[in-house]
Amino acid sequence: MGKPYTVEEILTFDRIRRAVTNRVVEAAEPALLEGMPLEREKLVELTRQEWKTVKEAVWASPAAKEKAREYMRQVVSGLLDSKISSDRSELEAFGVQDRYL
């Protein structure tokens, strides 16, 4: 664990599943080489840690950043629509028009 995820590894749920599984099994490999597979609780903990890591990679990905930008644009657009609606008369009185010049 600790190796950063590539963009290709986090494009789909199938790829995420494969990458996380491979990393957890890789982390558990030393115990298996000693003749003892890890107990379920340890596998649960390794999986939980790796899931946190993969989620952070998704959040930091270019696709996630673009989705966040789209979301922010939608929120701001809605807020501005509300402001324009409530202040329309006042702004029109100062010469603001509906159409682009």
Protein backbone atom coordinates (compact mmCIF):
# COMPACT_ATOMS: atom_id res chain seq x y z
CA MET A 1 0.00 0.00 0.00
CA GLY A 2 1.02 3.60 -0.40
CA LYS A 3 1.64 3.55 -4.16
CA PRO A 4 -0.52 6.21 -5.86
CA TYR A 5 -3.35 5.07 -8.08
CA THR A 6 -3.16 5.84 -11.78
CA VAL A 7 -6.00 7.58 -13.58
CA GLU A 8 -6.62 4.36 -15.52
CA GLU A 9 -7.13 2.40 -12.28
CA ILE A 10 -9.94 4.68 -11.12
CA LEU A 11 -11.96 5.10 -14.32
CA THR A 12 -14.52 2.39 -13.58
CA PHE A 13 -15.82 0.42 -10.62
CA ASP A 14 -14.42 -2.79 -12.14
CA ARG A 15 -10.95 -1.26 -12.36
CA ILE A 16 -11.19 0.10 -8.83
CA ARG A 17 -12.24 -3.33 -7.56
CA ARG A 18 -9.35 -5.01 -9.35
CA ALA A 19 -6.76 -2.45 -8.21
CA VAL A 20 -7.87 -2.47 -4.56
CA THR A 21 -8.05 -6.27 -4.50
CA ASN A 22 -4.57 -6.57 -5.96
CA ARG A 23 -3.13 -4.10 -3.46
CA VAL A 24 -4.76 -5.75 -0.45
CA VAL A 25 -3.63 -9.21 -1.54
CA GLU A 26 -0.14 -7.83 -2.18
CA ALA A 27 -0.07 -6.35 1.33
CA ALA A 28 -1.23 -9.68 2.78
CA GLU A 29 1.29 -11.71 0.76
CA PRO A 30 4.07 -11.73 3.42
CA ALA A 31 1.79 -13.48 5.92
CA LEU A 32 0.84 -16.05 3.30
CA LEU A 33 4.51 -16.72 2.55
CA GLU A 34 4.99 -17.44 6.25
CA GLY A 35 2.28 -20.09 5.96
CA MET A 36 -0.56 -18.21 7.62
CA PRO A 37 -3.17 -16.35 5.61
CA LEU A 38 -4.34 -13.17 7.29
CA GLU A 39 -7.39 -13.31 9.50
CA ARG A 40 -10.60 -11.77 8.24
CA GLU A 41 -10.30 -8.80 10.62
CA LYS A 42 -6.90 -7.88 9.23
CA LEU A 43 -8.18 -8.19 5.64
CA VAL A 44 -11.12 -5.96 6.59
CA GLU A 45 -8.74 -3.35 7.98
CA LEU A 46 -6.42 -3.51 4.95
CA THR A 47 -9.41 -3.17 2.63
CA ARG A 48 -10.79 -0.24 4.63
CA GLN A 49 -7.43 1.56 4.45
CA GLU A 50 -7.04 0.90 0.74
CA TRP A 51 -10.62 2.00 0.04
CA LYS A 52 -9.88 5.30 1.76
CA THR A 53 -6.79 5.69 -0.42
CA VAL A 54 -8.65 4.95 -3.65
CA LYS A 55 -11.44 7.38 -2.75
CA GLU A 56 -8.86 10.10 -2.16
CA ALA A 57 -7.38 9.32 -5.58
CA VAL A 58 -10.81 9.63 -7.18
CA TRP A 59 -11.45 12.94 -5.42
CA ALA A 60 -8.10 14.28 -6.64
CA SER A 61 -8.58 13.08 -10.22
CA PRO A 62 -9.02 15.48 -13.14
CA ALA A 63 -12.50 14.04 -13.80
CA ALA A 64 -13.58 14.71 -10.21
CA LYS A 65 -12.24 18.25 -10.37
CA GLU A 66 -14.21 18.88 -13.56
CA LYS A 67 -17.37 17.46 -11.99
CA ALA A 68 -16.80 19.73 -8.98
CA ARG A 69 -16.44 22.72 -11.33
CA GLU A 70 -19.69 21.77 -13.10
CA TYR A 71 -21.45 21.47 -9.74
CA MET A 72 -20.13 24.85 -8.59
CA ARG A 73 -21.22 26.46 -11.88
CA GLN A 74 -24.73 25.05 -11.42
CA VAL A 75 -24.94 26.28 -7.83
CA VAL A 76 -23.66 29.75 -8.72
CA SER A 77 -25.98 29.94 -11.73
CA GLY A 78 -28.96 29.10 -9.53
CA LEU A 79 -27.91 31.68 -6.96
CA LEU A 80 -27.50 34.33 -9.66
CA ASP A 81 -30.88 33.48 -11.21
CA SER A 82 -32.44 34.08 -7.80
CA LYS A 83 -30.57 37.39 -7.34
CA ILE A 84 -31.48 38.58 -10.84
CA SER A 85 -35.11 37.68 -10.26
CA SER A 86 -35.32 39.56 -6.98
CA ASP A 87 -33.37 42.63 -8.18
CA ARG A 88 -34.51 42.73 -11.82
CA SER A 89 -36.64 45.89 -11.57
CA GLU A 90 -33.94 47.82 -9.76
CA LEU A 91 -31.24 46.81 -12.23
CA GLU A 92 -33.47 47.53 -15.24
CA ALA A 93 -34.03 51.02 -13.85
CA PHE A 94 -30.26 51.53 -14.13
CA GLY A 95 -30.20 50.38 -17.75
CA VAL A 96 -29.41 46.70 -17.49
CA GLN A 97 -30.99 44.86 -20.41
CA ASP A 98 -31.99 41.22 -21.02
CA ARG A 99 -30.18 40.83 -24.32
CA TYR A 100 -26.51 40.71 -25.08
CA LEU A 101 -25.17 43.91 -26.65
